[in-house]
Amino acid sequence: MGDLAAVKAFAIVILGGLGSISGATIGGFILALAEEFGAGYISSGYRDAMGFLIIIAVLLAKPTGLFARAERVG
């Protein structure tokens, strides 16, 4: 119980950037809009798939997330 909500929360954190609260908030809005437009224009069966396609596209373009802070390691 709650598996889908946990997966979506994980996806929002990845989308916004780990460690960025404002990025997670904006990532949540982006994910919600993608799911609703996907359900409205394509099919409601693809609601979750549209969100994960957005996440895959963002990770291919910017692997740290949209609003991740640059950190220096070492």
Protein backbone atom coordinates (compact mmCIF):
# COMPACT_ATOMS: atom_id res chain seq x y z
CA MET A 1 0.00 0.00 0.00
CA GLY A 2 1.44 3.33 -1.02
CA ASP A 3 3.94 1.92 -3.50
CA LEU A 4 2.83 4.19 -6.34
CA ALA A 5 2.98 7.27 -4.11
CA ALA A 6 6.50 6.36 -2.99
CA VAL A 7 7.65 5.84 -6.57
CA LYS A 8 6.17 9.18 -7.62
CA ALA A 9 7.82 10.95 -4.68
CA PHE A 10 11.14 9.40 -5.67
CA ALA A 11 10.57 10.51 -9.26
CA ILE A 12 9.81 14.07 -8.13
CA VAL A 13 13.03 14.24 -6.12
CA ILE A 14 15.02 12.94 -9.08
CA LEU A 15 13.29 15.37 -11.43
CA GLY A 16 13.87 18.43 -9.26
CA GLY A 17 17.35 17.53 -8.12
CA LEU A 18 18.45 15.84 -4.93
CA GLY A 19 18.86 18.34 -2.11
CA SER A 20 16.84 21.16 -3.65
CA ILE A 21 13.48 21.78 -1.98
CA SER A 22 12.41 24.39 -4.51
CA GLY A 23 13.47 22.03 -7.29
CA ALA A 24 11.37 19.23 -5.80
CA THR A 25 8.37 21.56 -5.63
CA ILE A 26 8.75 22.62 -9.25
CA GLY A 27 9.45 19.00 -10.21
CA GLY A 28 6.16 18.01 -8.58
CA PHE A 29 4.29 20.59 -10.60
CA ILE A 30 5.99 19.47 -13.81
CA LEU A 31 5.18 15.83 -13.11
CA ALA A 32 1.54 16.64 -12.28
CA LEU A 33 1.10 18.70 -15.45
CA ALA A 34 2.69 16.00 -17.60
CA GLU A 35 0.43 13.34 -16.11
CA GLU A 36 -2.74 15.40 -16.48
CA PHE A 37 -2.04 16.49 -20.05
CA GLY A 38 -1.07 12.92 -20.93
CA ALA A 39 -4.31 11.62 -19.44
CA GLY A 40 -6.37 14.30 -21.15
CA TYR A 41 -4.89 14.21 -24.63
CA ILE A 42 -3.66 10.65 -25.03
CA SER A 43 -5.32 8.22 -22.62
CA SER A 44 -5.86 7.94 -18.90
CA GLY A 45 -4.16 4.56 -19.00
CA TYR A 46 -0.90 6.29 -19.86
CA ARG A 47 -1.03 8.75 -16.95
CA ASP A 48 1.89 7.22 -15.04
CA ALA A 49 3.85 6.46 -18.19
CA MET A 50 3.85 10.12 -19.27
CA GLY A 51 5.44 11.15 -16.00
CA PHE A 52 8.17 8.56 -16.28
CA LEU A 53 8.88 9.50 -19.89
CA ILE A 54 9.46 13.08 -18.72
CA ILE A 55 11.83 11.80 -16.04
CA ILE A 56 13.79 9.71 -18.54
CA ALA A 57 14.08 12.72 -20.87
CA VAL A 58 15.32 14.97 -18.06
CA LEU A 59 17.84 12.40 -16.86
CA LEU A 60 19.20 11.99 -20.38
CA ALA A 61 19.60 15.76 -20.74
CA LYS A 62 20.74 16.64 -17.23
CA PRO A 63 21.56 13.65 -14.99
CA THR A 64 21.67 15.66 -11.75
CA GLY A 65 18.08 16.92 -12.12
CA LEU A 66 16.71 20.25 -13.22
CA PHE A 67 17.64 22.35 -10.19
CA ALA A 68 20.52 20.50 -8.54
CA ARG A 69 23.24 22.54 -6.92
CA ALA A 70 26.76 22.07 -8.17
CA GLU A 71 28.99 20.44 -5.58
CA ARG A 72 32.70 20.00 -5.59
CA VAL A 73 33.87 16.62 -4.42
CA GLY A 74 37.41 16.09 -3.23
